[in-house]
Amino acid sequence: METLGKTLKSTRENVSLTLKDVENATGISNAYLSQLENEKIKKPSASILYKLANVYKIDLNVLLHAAGIIEKSDETEAPKLTLLEKEIQFYKDKLSPQEEKEVVDFIKFLRYKKTNDTTL
């Protein structure tokens, strides 16, 4: 089992956030977040973990299990995301509906181009 600190740090890095970004999004101080990641604080409150789970877009049970607050269940495994999935997850809430459509159209264009490119 991965420790809470390692889980928090790797998840934060996977969604491309700095400690300052997380502080701004949650109101949890940068220093406290650092202590969590460096395992100086091992059992934060469930409300802290709830805030972090929301920002990191991760199941709360994953963090509760890593902190030793609950027993592991089948749903507590953090999914392994590809780089594309991580980037989409990070930016999806920041895009306007028009930008979302443009991203989808661009992906379709890339697939069409690859399918119809005879030089490959």
PDB file of N, CA and C in Angstrom:
ATOM      1  N   MET A   1       0.841  -1.190   0.000  1.00  0.00           N
ATOM      2  CA  MET A   1       0.000   0.000   0.000  1.00  0.00           C
ATOM      3  C   MET A   1       0.883   1.249   0.000  1.00  0.00           C
ATOM      4  N   GLU A   2       0.558   2.179  -0.855  1.00  0.00           N
ATOM      5  CA  GLU A   2       1.285   3.436  -0.913  1.00  0.00           C
ATOM      6  C   GLU A   2       0.858   4.321   0.251  1.00  0.00           C
ATOM      7  N   THR A   3       1.800   5.045   0.823  1.00  0.00           N
ATOM      8  CA  THR A   3       1.477   5.912   1.953  1.00  0.00           C
ATOM      9  C   THR A   3       0.629   7.093   1.497  1.00  0.00           C
ATOM     10  N   LEU A   4      -0.001   7.755   2.462  1.00  0.00           N
ATOM     11  CA  LEU A   4      -0.816   8.924   2.140  1.00  0.00           C
ATOM     12  C   LEU A   4       0.037  10.008   1.486  1.00  0.00           C
ATOM     13  N   GLY A   5       1.199  10.277   2.049  1.00  0.00           N
ATOM     14  CA  GLY A   5       2.061  11.317   1.493  1.00  0.00           C
ATOM     15  C   GLY A   5       2.422  11.064   0.046  1.00  0.00           C
ATOM     16  N   LYS A   6       2.822   9.836  -0.254  1.00  0.00           N
ATOM     17  CA  LYS A   6       3.187   9.487  -1.636  1.00  0.00           C
ATOM     18  C   LYS A   6       1.975   9.551  -2.557  1.00  0.00           C
ATOM     19  N   THR A   7       0.833   9.092  -2.057  1.00  0.00           N
ATOM     20  CA  THR A   7      -0.394   9.139  -2.855  1.00  0.00           C
ATOM     21  C   THR A   7      -0.761  10.581  -3.184  1.00  0.00           C
ATOM     22  N   LEU A   8      -0.704  11.454  -2.183  1.00  0.00           N
ATOM     23  CA  LEU A   8      -1.045  12.861  -2.416  1.00  0.00           C
ATOM     24  C   LEU A   8      -0.088  13.518  -3.399  1.00  0.00           C
ATOM     25  N   LYS A   9       1.194  13.290  -3.208  1.00  0.00           N
ATOM     26  CA  LYS A   9       2.182  13.932  -4.074  1.00  0.00           C
ATOM     27  C   LYS A   9       2.062  13.434  -5.517  1.00  0.00           C
ATOM     28  N   SER A  10       1.976  12.125  -5.702  1.00  0.00           N
ATOM     29  CA  SER A  10       1.899  11.599  -7.065  1.00  0.00           C
ATOM     30  C   SER A  10       0.608  12.024  -7.753  1.00  0.00           C
ATOM     31  N   THR A  11      -0.491  12.045  -7.002  1.00  0.00           N
ATOM     32  CA  THR A  11      -1.768  12.461  -7.586  1.00  0.00           C
ATOM     33  C   THR A  11      -1.734  13.937  -7.958  1.00  0.00           C
ATOM     34  N   ARG A  12      -1.172  14.764  -7.077  1.00  0.00           N
ATOM     35  CA  ARG A  12      -1.061  16.198  -7.373  1.00  0.00           C
ATOM     36  C   ARG A  12      -0.211  16.423  -8.621  1.00  0.00           C
ATOM     37  N   GLU A  13       0.892  15.717  -8.715  1.00  0.00           N
ATOM     38  CA  GLU A  13       1.760  15.860  -9.883  1.00  0.00           C
ATOM     39  C   GLU A  13       1.077  15.354 -11.153  1.00  0.00           C
ATOM     40  N   ASN A  14       0.263  14.295 -11.022  1.00  0.00           N
ATOM     41  CA  ASN A  14      -0.449  13.752 -12.184  1.00  0.00           C
ATOM     42  C   ASN A  14      -1.454  14.737 -12.757  1.00  0.00           C
ATOM     43  N   VAL A  15      -2.007  15.596 -11.916  1.00  0.00           N
ATOM     44  CA  VAL A  15      -2.952  16.602 -12.419  1.00  0.00           C
ATOM     45  C   VAL A  15      -2.277  17.955 -12.630  1.00  0.00           C
ATOM     46  N   SER A  16      -0.944  17.945 -12.582  1.00  0.00           N
ATOM     47  CA  SER A  16      -0.127  19.131 -12.895  1.00  0.00           C
ATOM     48  C   SER A  16      -0.466  20.345 -12.035  1.00  0.00           C
ATOM     49  N   LEU A  17      -0.559  20.126 -10.731  1.00  0.00           N
ATOM     50  CA  LEU A  17      -0.808  21.232  -9.807  1.00  0.00           C
ATOM     51  C   LEU A  17       0.394  21.437  -8.901  1.00  0.00           C
ATOM     52  N   THR A  18       0.654  22.690  -8.561  1.00  0.00           N
ATOM     53  CA  THR A  18       1.678  22.999  -7.564  1.00  0.00           C
ATOM     54  C   THR A  18       1.001  23.036  -6.196  1.00  0.00           C
ATOM     55  N   LEU A  19       1.809  23.026  -5.151  1.00  0.00           N
ATOM     56  CA  LEU A  19       1.244  23.157  -3.810  1.00  0.00           C
ATOM     57  C   LEU A  19       0.477  24.475  -3.682  1.00  0.00           C
ATOM     58  N   LYS A  20       0.983  25.510  -4.305  1.00  0.00           N
ATOM     59  CA  LYS A  20       0.315  26.814  -4.263  1.00  0.00           C
ATOM     60  C   LYS A  20      -1.042  26.757  -4.964  1.00  0.00           C
ATOM     61  N   ASP A  21      -1.112  26.031  -6.091  1.00  0.00           N
ATOM     62  CA  ASP A  21      -2.391  25.856  -6.786  1.00  0.00           C
ATOM     63  C   ASP A  21      -3.409  25.185  -5.865  1.00  0.00           C
ATOM     64  N   VAL A  22      -2.939  24.154  -5.161  1.00  0.00           N
ATOM     65  CA  VAL A  22      -3.834  23.411  -4.259  1.00  0.00           C
ATOM     66  C   VAL A  22      -4.258  24.294  -3.098  1.00  0.00           C
ATOM     67  N   GLU A  23      -3.324  25.074  -2.578  1.00  0.00           N
ATOM     68  CA  GLU A  23      -3.655  25.998  -1.496  1.00  0.00           C
ATOM     69  C   GLU A  23      -4.742  26.973  -1.943  1.00  0.00           C
ATOM     70  N   ASN A  24      -4.584  27.530  -3.126  1.00  0.00           N
ATOM     71  CA  ASN A  24      -5.569  28.483  -3.643  1.00  0.00           C
ATOM     72  C   ASN A  24      -6.940  27.831  -3.858  1.00  0.00           C
ATOM     73  N   ALA A  25      -6.948  26.575  -4.283  1.00  0.00           N
ATOM     74  CA  ALA A  25      -8.203  25.884  -4.570  1.00  0.00           C
ATOM     75  C   ALA A  25      -8.916  25.388  -3.318  1.00  0.00           C
ATOM     76  N   THR A  26      -8.147  25.068  -2.268  1.00  0.00           N
ATOM     77  CA  THR A  26      -8.748  24.423  -1.092  1.00  0.00           C
ATOM     78  C   THR A  26      -8.737  25.283   0.166  1.00  0.00           C
ATOM     79  N   GLY A  27      -7.831  26.252   0.227  1.00  0.00           N
ATOM     80  CA  GLY A  27      -7.663  27.022   1.458  1.00  0.00           C
ATOM     81  C   GLY A  27      -6.770  26.322   2.468  1.00  0.00           C
ATOM     82  N   ILE A  28      -6.226  25.161   2.105  1.00  0.00           N
ATOM     83  CA  ILE A  28      -5.293  24.432   2.972  1.00  0.00           C
ATOM     84  C   ILE A  28      -3.909  25.014   2.732  1.00  0.00           C
ATOM     85  N   SER A  29      -3.219  25.398   3.798  1.00  0.00           N
ATOM     86  CA  SER A  29      -1.942  26.089   3.625  1.00  0.00           C
ATOM     87  C   SER A  29      -0.911  25.226   2.915  1.00  0.00           C
ATOM     88  N   ASN A  30      -0.070  25.909   2.160  1.00  0.00           N
ATOM     89  CA  ASN A  30       1.033  25.288   1.439  1.00  0.00           C
ATOM     90  C   ASN A  30       1.904  24.487   2.408  1.00  0.00           C
ATOM     91  N   ALA A  31       2.182  25.030   3.577  1.00  0.00           N
ATOM     92  CA  ALA A  31       3.027  24.355   4.567  1.00  0.00           C
ATOM     93  C   ALA A  31       2.378  23.060   5.051  1.00  0.00           C
ATOM     94  N   TYR A  32       1.071  23.093   5.304  1.00  0.00           N
ATOM     95  CA  TYR A  32       0.361  21.895   5.761  1.00  0.00           C
ATOM     96  C   TYR A  32       0.371  20.828   4.671  1.00  0.00           C
ATOM     97  N   LEU A  33       0.132  21.249   3.428  1.00  0.00           N
ATOM     98  CA  LEU A  33       0.160  20.316   2.303  1.00  0.00           C
ATOM     99  C   LEU A  33       1.529  19.656   2.174  1.00  0.00           C
ATOM    100  N   SER A  34       2.571  20.451   2.340  1.00  0.00           N
ATOM    101  CA  SER A  34       3.933  19.923   2.274  1.00  0.00           C
ATOM    102  C   SER A  34       4.170  18.903   3.386  1.00  0.00           C
ATOM    103  N   GLN A  35       3.682  19.193   4.582  1.00  0.00           N
ATOM    104  CA  GLN A  35       3.839  18.253   5.694  1.00  0.00           C
ATOM    105  C   GLN A  35       3.078  16.958   5.420  1.00  0.00           C
ATOM    106  N   LEU A  36       1.939  17.045   4.783  1.00  0.00           N
ATOM    107  CA  LEU A  36       1.196  15.837   4.414  1.00  0.00           C
ATOM    108  C   LEU A  36       2.005  15.001   3.421  1.00  0.00           C
ATOM    109  N   GLU A  37       2.510  15.656   2.378  1.00  0.00           N
ATOM    110  CA  GLU A  37       3.258  14.939   1.348  1.00  0.00           C
ATOM    111  C   GLU A  37       4.567  14.355   1.881  1.00  0.00           C
ATOM    112  N   ASN A  38       5.176  15.025   2.848  1.00  0.00           N
ATOM    113  CA  ASN A  38       6.435  14.547   3.420  1.00  0.00           C
ATOM    114  C   ASN A  38       6.219  13.660   4.642  1.00  0.00           C
ATOM    115  N   GLU A  39       4.957  13.295   4.873  1.00  0.00           N
ATOM    116  CA  GLU A  39       4.563  12.350   5.902  1.00  0.00           C
ATOM    117  C   GLU A  39       4.892  12.781   7.330  1.00  0.00           C
ATOM    118  N   LYS A  40       4.958  14.087   7.537  1.00  0.00           N
ATOM    119  CA  LYS A  40       5.084  14.606   8.900  1.00  0.00           C
ATOM    120  C   LYS A  40       3.721  14.602   9.577  1.00  0.00           C
ATOM    121  N   ILE A  41       2.672  14.705   8.775  1.00  0.00           N
ATOM    122  CA  ILE A  41       1.303  14.557   9.257  1.00  0.00           C
ATOM    123  C   ILE A  41       0.749  13.335   8.535  1.00  0.00           C
ATOM    124  N   LYS A  42       0.357  12.331   9.299  1.00  0.00           N
ATOM    125  CA  LYS A  42      -0.060  11.073   8.686  1.00  0.00           C
ATOM    126  C   LYS A  42      -1.563  10.858   8.648  1.00  0.00           C
ATOM    127  N   LYS A  43      -2.309  11.503   9.547  1.00  0.00           N
ATOM    128  CA  LYS A  43      -3.762  11.304   9.598  1.00  0.00           C
ATOM    129  C   LYS A  43      -4.493  12.642   9.672  1.00  0.00           C
ATOM    130  N   PRO A  44      -4.645  13.308   8.534  1.00  0.00           N
ATOM    131  CA  PRO A  44      -5.417  14.555   8.535  1.00  0.00           C
ATOM    132  C   PRO A  44      -6.901  14.239   8.700  1.00  0.00           C
ATOM    133  N   SER A  45      -7.677  15.263   8.905  1.00  0.00           N
ATOM    134  CA  SER A  45      -9.122  15.064   9.059  1.00  0.00           C
ATOM    135  C   SER A  45      -9.727  14.630   7.723  1.00  0.00           C
ATOM    136  N   ALA A  46     -10.881  13.998   7.822  1.00  0.00           N
ATOM    137  CA  ALA A  46     -11.594  13.581   6.617  1.00  0.00           C
ATOM    138  C   ALA A  46     -11.989  14.788   5.774  1.00  0.00           C
ATOM    139  N   SER A  47     -12.251  15.934   6.412  1.00  0.00           N
ATOM    140  CA  SER A  47     -12.633  17.126   5.637  1.00  0.00           C
ATOM    141  C   SER A  47     -11.463  17.629   4.778  1.00  0.00           C
ATOM    142  N   ILE A  48     -10.260  17.518   5.290  1.00  0.00           N
ATOM    143  CA  ILE A  48      -9.072  17.886   4.498  1.00  0.00           C
ATOM    144  C   ILE A  48      -8.951  16.940   3.309  1.00  0.00           C
ATOM    145  N   LEU A  49      -9.092  15.652   3.564  1.00  0.00           N
ATOM    146  CA  LEU A  49      -8.986  14.664   2.491  1.00  0.00           C
ATOM    147  C   LEU A  49     -10.101  14.855   1.467  1.00  0.00           C
ATOM    148  N   TYR A  50     -11.283  15.238   1.928  1.00  0.00           N
ATOM    149  CA  TYR A  50     -12.401  15.495   1.023  1.00  0.00           C
ATOM    150  C   TYR A  50     -12.067  16.645   0.065  1.00  0.00           C
ATOM    151  N   LYS A  51     -11.529  17.723   0.603  1.00  0.00           N
ATOM    152  CA  LYS A  51     -11.150  18.873  -0.237  1.00  0.00           C
ATOM    153  C   LYS A  51     -10.100  18.465  -1.268  1.00  0.00           C
ATOM    154  N   LEU A  52      -9.102  17.709  -0.813  1.00  0.00           N
ATOM    155  CA  LEU A  52      -8.033  17.284  -1.721  1.00  0.00           C
ATOM    156  C   LEU A  52      -8.561  16.337  -2.788  1.00  0.00           C
ATOM    157  N   ALA A  53      -9.428  15.420  -2.410  1.00  0.00           N
ATOM    158  CA  ALA A  53     -10.006  14.479  -3.379  1.00  0.00           C
ATOM    159  C   ALA A  53     -10.756  15.232  -4.474  1.00  0.00           C
ATOM    160  N   ASN A  54     -11.484  16.278  -4.087  1.00  0.00           N
ATOM    161  CA  ASN A  54     -12.217  17.070  -5.083  1.00  0.00           C
ATOM    162  C   ASN A  54     -11.288  17.784  -6.044  1.00  0.00           C
ATOM    163  N   VAL A  55     -10.236  18.389  -5.529  1.00  0.00           N
ATOM    164  CA  VAL A  55      -9.299  19.123  -6.385  1.00  0.00           C
ATOM    165  C   VAL A  55      -8.510  18.163  -7.272  1.00  0.00           C
ATOM    166  N   TYR A  56      -8.119  17.016  -6.712  1.00  0.00           N
ATOM    167  CA  TYR A  56      -7.312  16.046  -7.458  1.00  0.00           C
ATOM    168  C   TYR A  56      -8.155  15.140  -8.348  1.00  0.00           C
ATOM    169  N   LYS A  57      -9.483  15.251  -8.234  1.00  0.00           N
ATOM    170  CA  LYS A  57     -10.403  14.422  -9.015  1.00  0.00           C
ATOM    171  C   LYS A  57     -10.099  12.940  -8.788  1.00  0.00           C
ATOM    172  N   ILE A  58     -10.031  12.576  -7.508  1.00  0.00           N
ATOM    173  CA  ILE A  58      -9.741  11.202  -7.107  1.00  0.00           C
ATOM    174  C   ILE A  58     -10.813  10.766  -6.115  1.00  0.00           C
ATOM    175  N   ASP A  59     -11.092   9.496  -6.075  1.00  0.00           N
ATOM    176  CA  ASP A  59     -12.078   8.957  -5.143  1.00  0.00           C
ATOM    177  C   ASP A  59     -11.609   9.198  -3.715  1.00  0.00           C
ATOM    178  N   LEU A  60     -12.469   9.762  -2.903  1.00  0.00           N
ATOM    179  CA  LEU A  60     -12.147  10.040  -1.505  1.00  0.00           C
ATOM    180  C   LEU A  60     -11.681   8.777  -0.783  1.00  0.00           C
ATOM    181  N   ASN A  61     -12.267   7.631  -1.112  1.00  0.00           N
ATOM    182  CA  ASN A  61     -11.898   6.380  -0.456  1.00  0.00           C
ATOM    183  C   ASN A  61     -10.430   6.019  -0.651  1.00  0.00           C
ATOM    184  N   VAL A  62      -9.850   6.429  -1.771  1.00  0.00           N
ATOM    185  CA  VAL A  62      -8.428   6.171  -2.007  1.00  0.00           C
ATOM    186  C   VAL A  62      -7.600   6.877  -0.926  1.00  0.00           C
ATOM    187  N   LEU A  63      -7.933   8.139  -0.663  1.00  0.00           N
ATOM    188  CA  LEU A  63      -7.185   8.903   0.342  1.00  0.00           C
ATOM    189  C   LEU A  63      -7.497   8.421   1.758  1.00  0.00           C
ATOM    190  N   LEU A  64      -8.751   8.102   2.030  1.00  0.00           N
ATOM    191  CA  LEU A  64      -9.108   7.594   3.355  1.00  0.00           C
ATOM    192  C   LEU A  64      -8.389   6.277   3.647  1.00  0.00           C
ATOM    193  N   HIS A  65      -8.267   5.437   2.643  1.00  0.00           N
ATOM    194  CA  HIS A  65      -7.545   4.173   2.818  1.00  0.00           C
ATOM    195  C   HIS A  65      -6.055   4.425   3.033  1.00  0.00           C
ATOM    196  N   ALA A  66      -5.465   5.291   2.223  1.00  0.00           N
ATOM    197  CA  ALA A  66      -4.034   5.583   2.347  1.00  0.00           C
ATOM    198  C   ALA A  66      -3.705   6.169   3.720  1.00  0.00           C
ATOM    199  N   ALA A  67      -4.660   6.900   4.303  1.00  0.00           N
ATOM    200  CA  ALA A  67      -4.461   7.485   5.629  1.00  0.00           C
ATOM    201  C   ALA A  67      -4.749   6.485   6.747  1.00  0.00           C
ATOM    202  N   GLY A  68      -5.249   5.295   6.374  1.00  0.00           N
ATOM    203  CA  GLY A  68      -5.550   4.284   7.373  1.00  0.00           C
ATOM    204  C   GLY A  68      -6.863   4.520   8.096  1.00  0.00           C
ATOM    205  N   ILE A  69      -7.725   5.347   7.535  1.00  0.00           N
ATOM    206  CA  ILE A  69      -9.000   5.671   8.169  1.00  0.00           C
ATOM    207  C   ILE A  69     -10.048   4.607   7.861  1.00  0.00           C
ATOM    208  N   ILE A  70      -9.995   4.042   6.652  1.00  0.00           N
ATOM    209  CA  ILE A  70     -10.927   2.973   6.283  1.00  0.00           C
ATOM    210  C   ILE A  70     -10.150   1.789   5.737  1.00  0.00           C
ATOM    211  N   GLU A  71     -10.807   0.651   5.706  1.00  0.00           N
ATOM    212  CA  GLU A  71     -10.233  -0.555   5.106  1.00  0.00           C
ATOM    213  C   GLU A  71     -10.325  -0.442   3.589  1.00  0.00           C
ATOM    214  N   LYS A  72      -9.439  -1.139   2.934  1.00  0.00           N
ATOM    215  CA  LYS A  72      -9.416  -1.124   1.473  1.00  0.00           C
ATOM    216  C   LYS A  72     -10.645  -1.821   0.909  1.00  0.00           C
ATOM    217  N   SER A  73     -11.197  -1.225  -0.134  1.00  0.00           N
ATOM    218  CA  SER A  73     -12.272  -1.868  -0.884  1.00  0.00           C
ATOM    219  C   SER A  73     -11.843  -1.917  -2.337  1.00  0.00           C
ATOM    220  N   ASP A  74     -12.617  -2.566  -3.155  1.00  0.00           N
ATOM    221  CA  ASP A  74     -12.266  -2.662  -4.579  1.00  0.00           C
ATOM    222  C   ASP A  74     -12.203  -1.301  -5.237  1.00  0.00           C
ATOM    223  N   GLU A  75     -12.901  -0.315  -4.689  1.00  0.00           N
ATOM    224  CA  GLU A  75     -12.968   1.007  -5.306  1.00  0.00           C
ATOM    225  C   GLU A  75     -11.841   1.934  -4.861  1.00  0.00           C
ATOM    226  N   THR A  76     -10.955   1.476  -3.965  1.00  0.00           N
ATOM    227  CA  THR A  76      -9.948   2.388  -3.442  1.00  0.00           C
ATOM    228  C   THR A  76      -8.682   2.449  -4.281  1.00  0.00           C
ATOM    229  N   GLU A  77      -8.580   1.663  -5.309  1.00  0.00           N
ATOM    230  CA  GLU A  77      -7.404   1.716  -6.164  1.00  0.00           C
ATOM    231  C   GLU A  77      -7.485   2.931  -7.084  1.00  0.00           C
ATOM    232  N   ALA A  78      -6.436   3.728  -7.076  1.00  0.00           N
ATOM    233  CA  ALA A  78      -6.404   4.889  -7.965  1.00  0.00           C
ATOM    234  C   ALA A  78      -6.206   4.394  -9.394  1.00  0.00           C
ATOM    235  N   PRO A  79      -7.036   4.863 -10.314  1.00  0.00           N
ATOM    236  CA  PRO A  79      -6.864   4.410 -11.692  1.00  0.00           C
ATOM    237  C   PRO A  79      -5.582   4.977 -12.279  1.00  0.00           C
ATOM    238  N   LYS A  80      -4.927   4.168 -13.088  1.00  0.00           N
ATOM    239  CA  LYS A  80      -3.730   4.621 -13.780  1.00  0.00           C
ATOM    240  C   LYS A  80      -4.177   5.345 -15.042  1.00  0.00           C
ATOM    241  N   LEU A  81      -3.865   6.624 -15.116  1.00  0.00           N
ATOM    242  CA  LEU A  81      -4.300   7.435 -16.246  1.00  0.00           C
ATOM    243  C   LEU A  81      -3.155   7.643 -17.218  1.00  0.00           C
ATOM    244  N   THR A  82      -3.489   7.688 -18.504  1.00  0.00           N
ATOM    245  CA  THR A  82      -2.499   8.038 -19.511  1.00  0.00           C
ATOM    246  C   THR A  82      -2.267   9.548 -19.454  1.00  0.00           C
ATOM    247  N   LEU A  83      -1.224   9.998 -20.101  1.00  0.00           N
ATOM    248  CA  LEU A  83      -0.942  11.436 -20.142  1.00  0.00           C
ATOM    249  C   LEU A  83      -2.126  12.196 -20.733  1.00  0.00           C
ATOM    250  N   LEU A  84      -2.704  11.670 -21.806  1.00  0.00           N
ATOM    251  CA  LEU A  84      -3.861  12.325 -22.423  1.00  0.00           C
ATOM    252  C   LEU A  84      -5.025  12.420 -21.438  1.00  0.00           C
ATOM    253  N   GLU A  85      -5.305  11.341 -20.727  1.00  0.00           N
ATOM    254  CA  GLU A  85      -6.407  11.337 -19.762  1.00  0.00           C
ATOM    255  C   GLU A  85      -6.149  12.331 -18.631  1.00  0.00           C
ATOM    256  N   LYS A  86      -4.913  12.411 -18.177  1.00  0.00           N
ATOM    257  CA  LYS A  86      -4.568  13.357 -17.109  1.00  0.00           C
ATOM    258  C   LYS A  86      -4.767  14.790 -17.577  1.00  0.00           C
ATOM    259  N   GLU A  87      -4.315  15.077 -18.782  1.00  0.00           N
ATOM    260  CA  GLU A  87      -4.455  16.437 -19.303  1.00  0.00           C
ATOM    261  C   GLU A  87      -5.918  16.799 -19.538  1.00  0.00           C
ATOM    262  N   ILE A  88      -6.680  15.868 -20.073  1.00  0.00           N
ATOM    263  CA  ILE A  88      -8.112  16.126 -20.280  1.00  0.00           C
ATOM    264  C   ILE A  88      -8.798  16.346 -18.945  1.00  0.00           C
ATOM    265  N   GLN A  89      -8.477  15.506 -17.965  1.00  0.00           N
ATOM    266  CA  GLN A  89      -9.081  15.637 -16.639  1.00  0.00           C
ATOM    267  C   GLN A  89      -8.750  16.998 -16.021  1.00  0.00           C
ATOM    268  N   PHE A  90      -7.514  17.444 -16.196  1.00  0.00           N
ATOM    269  CA  PHE A  90      -7.098  18.711 -15.607  1.00  0.00           C
ATOM    270  C   PHE A  90      -7.793  19.899 -16.268  1.00  0.00           C
ATOM    271  N   TYR A  91      -7.890  19.872 -17.608  1.00  0.00           N
ATOM    272  CA  TYR A  91      -8.403  21.040 -18.323  1.00  0.00           C
ATOM    273  C   TYR A  91      -9.908  21.028 -18.562  1.00  0.00           C
ATOM    274  N   LYS A  92     -10.574  19.891 -18.390  1.00  0.00           N
ATOM    275  CA  LYS A  92     -11.974  19.810 -18.812  1.00  0.00           C
ATOM    276  C   LYS A  92     -12.886  20.821 -18.127  1.00  0.00           C
ATOM    277  N   ASP A  93     -12.638  21.133 -16.870  1.00  0.00           N
ATOM    278  CA  ASP A  93     -13.487  22.094 -16.171  1.00  0.00           C
ATOM    279  C   ASP A  93     -13.126  23.544 -16.488  1.00  0.00           C
ATOM    280  N   LYS A  94     -12.021  23.730 -17.190  1.00  0.00           N
ATOM    281  CA  LYS A  94     -11.569  25.080 -17.513  1.00  0.00           C
ATOM    282  C   LYS A  94     -11.943  25.504 -18.934  1.00  0.00           C
ATOM    283  N   LEU A  95     -12.523  24.573 -19.695  1.00  0.00           N
ATOM    284  CA  LEU A  95     -12.859  24.866 -21.087  1.00  0.00           C
ATOM    285  C   LEU A  95     -14.312  25.316 -21.228  1.00  0.00           C
ATOM    286  N   SER A  96     -14.504  26.254 -22.124  1.00  0.00           N
ATOM    287  CA  SER A  96     -15.874  26.648 -22.457  1.00  0.00           C
ATOM    288  C   SER A  96     -16.473  25.553 -23.346  1.00  0.00           C
ATOM    289  N   PRO A  97     -17.790  25.536 -23.500  1.00  0.00           N
ATOM    290  CA  PRO A  97     -18.394  24.549 -24.406  1.00  0.00           C
ATOM    291  C   PRO A  97     -17.825  24.629 -25.830  1.00  0.00           C
ATOM    292  N   GLN A  98     -17.552  25.833 -26.294  1.00  0.00           N
ATOM    293  CA  GLN A  98     -16.980  25.998 -27.632  1.00  0.00           C
ATOM    294  C   GLN A  98     -15.570  25.405 -27.688  1.00  0.00           C
ATOM    295  N   GLU A  99     -14.764  25.632 -26.648  1.00  0.00           N
ATOM    296  CA  GLU A  99     -13.413  25.075 -26.622  1.00  0.00           C
ATOM    297  C   GLU A  99     -13.450  23.544 -26.568  1.00  0.00           C
ATOM    298  N   GLU A 100     -14.387  22.990 -25.808  1.00  0.00           N
ATOM    299  CA  GLU A 100     -14.538  21.530 -25.762  1.00  0.00           C
ATOM    300  C   GLU A 100     -14.819  20.985 -27.155  1.00  0.00           C
ATOM    301  N   LYS A 101     -15.736  21.641 -27.869  1.00  0.00           N
ATOM    302  CA  LYS A 101     -16.070  21.209 -29.227  1.00  0.00           C
ATOM    303  C   LYS A 101     -14.840  21.290 -30.133  1.00  0.00           C
ATOM    304  N   GLU A 102     -14.052  22.352 -29.999  1.00  0.00           N
ATOM    305  CA  GLU A 102     -12.859  22.507 -30.822  1.00  0.00           C
ATOM    306  C   GLU A 102     -11.831  21.418 -30.528  1.00  0.00           C
ATOM    307  N   VAL A 103     -11.685  21.035 -29.268  1.00  0.00           N
ATOM    308  CA  VAL A 103     -10.755  19.955 -28.904  1.00  0.00           C
ATOM    309  C   VAL A 103     -11.209  18.648 -29.550  1.00  0.00           C
ATOM    310  N   VAL A 104     -12.498  18.342 -29.429  1.00  0.00           N
ATOM    311  CA  VAL A 104     -13.036  17.112 -30.029  1.00  0.00           C
ATOM    312  C   VAL A 104     -12.858  17.145 -31.540  1.00  0.00           C
ATOM    313  N   ASP A 105     -13.154  18.266 -32.161  1.00  0.00           N
ATOM    314  CA  ASP A 105     -12.983  18.396 -33.611  1.00  0.00           C
ATOM    315  C   ASP A 105     -11.523  18.200 -34.019  1.00  0.00           C
ATOM    316  N   PHE A 106     -10.603  18.717 -33.210  1.00  0.00           N
ATOM    317  CA  PHE A 106      -9.184  18.570 -33.528  1.00  0.00           C
ATOM    318  C   PHE A 106      -8.751  17.105 -33.428  1.00  0.00           C
ATOM    319  N   ILE A 107      -9.232  16.409 -32.415  1.00  0.00           N
ATOM    320  CA  ILE A 107      -8.910  14.982 -32.272  1.00  0.00           C
ATOM    321  C   ILE A 107      -9.462  14.208 -33.474  1.00  0.00           C
ATOM    322  N   LYS A 108     -10.685  14.529 -33.867  1.00  0.00           N
ATOM    323  CA  LYS A 108     -11.271  13.873 -35.037  1.00  0.00           C
ATOM    324  C   LYS A 108     -10.433  14.166 -36.288  1.00  0.00           C
ATOM    325  N   PHE A 109      -9.992  15.408 -36.412  1.00  0.00           N
ATOM    326  CA  PHE A 109      -9.154  15.779 -37.552  1.00  0.00           C
ATOM    327  C   PHE A 109      -7.858  14.967 -37.563  1.00  0.00           C
ATOM    328  N   LEU A 110      -7.215  14.840 -36.409  1.00  0.00           N
ATOM    329  CA  LEU A 110      -5.973  14.065 -36.337  1.00  0.00           C
ATOM    330  C   LEU A 110      -6.196  12.607 -36.736  1.00  0.00           C
ATOM    331  N   ARG A 111      -7.292  12.012 -36.260  1.00  0.00           N
ATOM    332  CA  ARG A 111      -7.601  10.623 -36.614  1.00  0.00           C
ATOM    333  C   ARG A 111      -7.882  10.499 -38.111  1.00  0.00           C
ATOM    334  N   TYR A 112      -8.631  11.448 -38.664  1.00  0.00           N
ATOM    335  CA  TYR A 112      -8.946  11.440 -40.089  1.00  0.00           C
ATOM    336  C   TYR A 112      -7.658  11.572 -40.906  1.00  0.00           C
ATOM    337  N   LYS A 113      -6.805  12.508 -40.491  1.00  0.00           N
ATOM    338  CA  LYS A 113      -5.552  12.748 -41.204  1.00  0.00           C
ATOM    339  C   LYS A 113      -4.688  11.491 -41.206  1.00  0.00           C
ATOM    340  N   LYS A 114      -4.597  10.818 -40.063  1.00  0.00           N
ATOM    341  CA  LYS A 114      -3.781   9.611 -39.967  1.00  0.00           C
ATOM    342  C   LYS A 114      -4.359   8.502 -40.838  1.00  0.00           C
ATOM    343  N   THR A 115      -5.676   8.357 -40.828  1.00  0.00           N
ATOM    344  CA  THR A 115      -6.335   7.310 -41.605  1.00  0.00           C
ATOM    345  C   THR A 115      -6.163   7.531 -43.102  1.00  0.00           C
ATOM    346  N   ASN A 116      -6.148   8.785 -43.523  1.00  0.00           N
ATOM    347  CA  ASN A 116      -6.116   9.116 -44.947  1.00  0.00           C
ATOM    348  C   ASN A 116      -4.744   9.527 -45.448  1.00  0.00           C
ATOM    349  N   ASP A 117      -3.734   9.438 -44.612  1.00  0.00           N
ATOM    350  CA  ASP A 117      -2.376   9.808 -45.027  1.00  0.00           C
ATOM    351  C   ASP A 117      -1.702   8.599 -45.652  1.00  0.00           C
ATOM    352  N   THR A 118      -1.449   8.666 -46.942  1.00  0.00           N
ATOM    353  CA  THR A 118      -0.859   7.537 -47.652  1.00  0.00           C
ATOM    354  C   THR A 118       0.656   7.468 -47.529  1.00  0.00           C
ATOM    355  N   THR A 119       1.261   8.491 -46.926  1.00  0.00           N
ATOM    356  CA  THR A 119       2.720   8.487 -46.785  1.00  0.00           C
ATOM    357  C   THR A 119       3.187   7.708 -45.574  1.00  0.00           C
ATOM    358  N   LEU A 120       2.260   7.272 -44.705  1.00  0.00           N
ATOM    359  CA  LEU A 120       2.645   6.525 -43.499  1.00  0.00           C
ATOM    360  C   LEU A 120       2.954   5.104 -43.797  1.00  0.00           C
TER     361      LEU A 120
END
